[in-house]
Each structure stands twice: as C-alpha cells, then as structure tokens.
Amino acid sequence: MEFMERIMLAVTQVNACAICSYVHTKMALEAGVSSKKIQNVLAGIFDDTPSDQLTAAIFTQHYADARVNPSKVSWERFAAAYGLSKQKNTWCDSNHDAGQYIWNCRELLY
C-alpha cells in the first residue's frame, strides 16, 4: 500500500492540486508512510524511495507531467524495468494498481 501512496503523491507533486495533496497525504499517513517521506515526495525528492520503486515513481511524474503521453524512450525503460508490455495501453488498462490509478485519473489531472 505504501508504494501506491508514493505513486499518488508523485502525481500530486506534478499537478499541484491542493485537494489531491490533502487527500493523498491523508491516505499516505493512514497507510503508514512517514511525514518525512510524504514531504520528500511532494518536494520531488526521492532519496528515501526504495530502489525497486524509484523507476516507477520517476516515470509516474513524467507520465503526469507529459499529460499522459510519456516519451517512447521513458516508456520503454519503465516497461523493461518492470517486465511490462511496451504498449502503454496494455499496461494502463490492466489491473495493475498503479497503472490503473494513473490511467483512470488522466482526465482528472488535465
């Protein structure tokens, strides 16, 4: 659950939505994420992000910042890091929690 909260906070850091920040900070705290980790993600600092989650956190920010249209190279690196299909819709439309969250929120973000 902590991983999903990091993903949500990474998107919140990009879209700078006060409501999103409030909701996802509350959810992260309830999931056991420390205040320091929350502050770091919201500041775009990933020093304390586990290495197996770092690529996903950074890609998620790029995904949101690129308005749900990540560069081909970044998508391929992300897919390779997690053994996912290189076709973004295959991953985003799957039941993978982070991908589903990003895909479902794409219209809310922009």
Foldseek 3Di string as FASTA:
>chain_A
DLLLLLLQLLLCLQLVDPVSLVVSVVVNVVVPNDPVCSVCSSVVHCPPPPPLSVLVSVLSNQCLNVLNDHDLVSLVVSCVSVVHDSPLCVVLVDVPPSSVVCVVCSVVSD
